Amino acid sequence: LLGPDAVTGIVCSTDMLAIAAISACRAHGLSVPGDVSVGGIDGISVGGLITPKLCSAVQPTQEMGRQALAFLRGLIKGQTNPQSLLLPHHLSDGDSIGSIRGSSRRRSSTRV
């Protein structure tokens, strides 16, 4: 998170990890999204209760479970054709993602 090669954005595999990443950024004196943008994947409701409000890729988790069960039932019945399915998803409104930056204040130091 710190130094000349520090990241400016983090995408976490779950919203809970994204919330922990926001906390870690703050612990290092970084602002979200000013210094680091943070996004999650889930769309859990607690993401809307934190500051800044978490930006998240919202997934239809109940439908994912239904489809997984249908695929499992097919395998049990002897179906061997691999299947894939794209379910609808969207990006939630959130304030944890900032604008793209070429370089930030904390990177303005010169290497010697």
Protein backbone atom coordinates (compact mmCIF):
# COMPACT_ATOMS: atom_id res chain seq x y z
CA LEU A 1 0.00 0.00 0.00
CA LEU A 2 2.93 2.35 0.51
CA GLY A 3 5.97 3.36 -1.50
CA PRO A 4 6.63 4.42 -5.07
CA ASP A 5 5.10 1.27 -6.59
CA ALA A 6 2.00 1.18 -4.38
CA VAL A 7 -1.27 0.12 -5.97
CA THR A 8 -4.01 2.64 -6.62
CA GLY A 9 -6.84 0.11 -6.82
CA ILE A 10 -7.88 -3.14 -5.19
CA VAL A 11 -10.62 -5.51 -6.34
CA CYS A 12 -11.48 -8.06 -3.67
CA SER A 13 -13.16 -11.43 -4.24
CA THR A 14 -15.79 -10.66 -1.59
CA ASP A 15 -17.30 -7.54 -0.09
CA MET A 16 -16.09 -8.54 3.38
CA LEU A 17 -12.50 -8.61 2.08
CA ALA A 18 -13.09 -5.21 0.47
CA ILE A 19 -14.29 -3.82 3.81
CA ALA A 20 -11.13 -5.22 5.45
CA ALA A 21 -9.03 -3.64 2.67
CA ILE A 22 -10.64 -0.25 3.32
CA SER A 23 -9.79 -0.66 7.00
CA ALA A 24 -6.17 -1.59 6.15
CA CYS A 25 -5.88 1.46 3.90
CA ARG A 26 -7.08 3.72 6.70
CA ALA A 27 -4.67 2.06 9.16
CA HIS A 28 -1.85 3.09 6.81
CA GLY A 29 -3.12 6.67 6.59
CA LEU A 30 -4.58 6.30 3.09
CA SER A 31 -7.95 7.59 2.01
CA VAL A 32 -10.47 5.59 0.01
CA PRO A 33 -11.04 6.50 -2.78
CA GLY A 34 -8.61 9.46 -2.69
CA ASP A 35 -5.45 7.36 -2.55
CA VAL A 36 -6.75 3.85 -3.23
CA SER A 37 -9.93 2.67 -4.93
CA VAL A 38 -11.49 -0.47 -3.43
CA GLY A 39 -14.21 -2.67 -4.92
CA GLY A 40 -15.82 -5.93 -3.89
CA ILE A 41 -17.79 -8.77 -5.40
CA ASP A 42 -21.03 -9.87 -3.74
CA GLY A 43 -23.36 -6.97 -3.18
CA ILE A 44 -23.99 -7.68 0.51
CA SER A 45 -26.07 -5.05 2.28
CA VAL A 46 -23.42 -4.14 4.84
CA GLY A 47 -21.39 -2.59 2.01
CA GLY A 48 -23.95 0.20 1.86
CA LEU A 49 -23.58 0.94 5.55
CA ILE A 50 -19.87 1.75 5.62
CA THR A 51 -18.15 4.99 4.68
CA PRO A 52 -17.39 5.30 1.88
CA LYS A 53 -20.23 3.20 0.57
CA LEU A 54 -18.70 0.12 -1.06
CA CYS A 55 -18.81 -0.23 -4.84
CA SER A 56 -19.50 -3.89 -5.61
CA ALA A 57 -20.26 -6.27 -8.44
CA VAL A 58 -23.67 -7.54 -7.34
CA GLN A 59 -24.32 -11.19 -8.10
CA PRO A 60 -27.62 -13.11 -7.98
CA THR A 61 -26.45 -15.51 -5.25
CA GLN A 62 -29.78 -17.34 -4.83
CA GLU A 63 -30.02 -18.00 -8.55
CA MET A 64 -26.38 -19.13 -8.56
CA GLY A 65 -27.26 -21.69 -5.90
CA ARG A 66 -30.32 -22.89 -7.82
CA GLN A 67 -28.31 -23.31 -11.00
CA ALA A 68 -25.48 -25.10 -9.18
CA LEU A 69 -28.01 -27.56 -7.76
CA ALA A 70 -29.50 -28.11 -11.22
CA PHE A 71 -26.03 -28.80 -12.64
CA LEU A 72 -25.28 -31.22 -9.78
CA ARG A 73 -28.54 -33.06 -10.35
CA GLY A 74 -27.63 -33.38 -14.02
CA LEU A 75 -24.26 -34.89 -13.12
CA ILE A 76 -25.91 -37.37 -10.76
CA LYS A 77 -28.24 -38.41 -13.58
CA GLY A 78 -25.25 -39.09 -15.82
CA GLN A 79 -25.06 -35.85 -17.79
CA THR A 80 -21.45 -35.43 -18.89
CA ASN A 81 -21.63 -32.34 -21.09
CA PRO A 82 -19.87 -29.45 -19.37
CA GLN A 83 -22.18 -26.48 -18.99
CA SER A 84 -21.62 -22.83 -18.31
CA LEU A 85 -24.12 -20.10 -17.62
CA LEU A 86 -23.88 -16.34 -17.46
CA LEU A 87 -26.27 -14.82 -14.95
CA PRO A 88 -27.22 -11.14 -14.84
CA HIS A 89 -25.11 -8.94 -12.59
CA HIS A 90 -24.49 -5.22 -12.14
CA LEU A 91 -22.14 -2.77 -10.49
CA SER A 92 -23.64 -1.12 -7.42
CA ASP A 93 -23.49 2.58 -6.78
CA GLY A 94 -20.70 3.22 -4.35
CA ASP A 95 -18.16 5.81 -3.36
CA SER A 96 -15.15 3.55 -2.83
CA ILE A 97 -13.94 3.83 -6.43
CA GLY A 98 -12.25 7.07 -7.48
CA SER A 99 -11.20 8.49 -10.80
CA ILE A 100 -8.20 7.10 -12.66
CA ARG A 101 -4.98 8.78 -11.63
CA GLY A 102 -1.65 8.76 -13.45
CA SER A 103 0.22 9.39 -10.22
CA SER A 104 -0.84 10.50 -6.78
CA ARG A 105 0.63 12.88 -4.20
CA ARG A 106 2.20 10.06 -2.25
CA ARG A 107 4.14 8.95 -5.33
CA SER A 108 5.61 12.33 -6.17
CA SER A 109 8.92 11.63 -4.45
CA THR A 110 11.95 11.10 -6.65
CA ARG A 111 13.98 7.90 -6.48
CA VAL A 112 17.69 8.35 -5.98
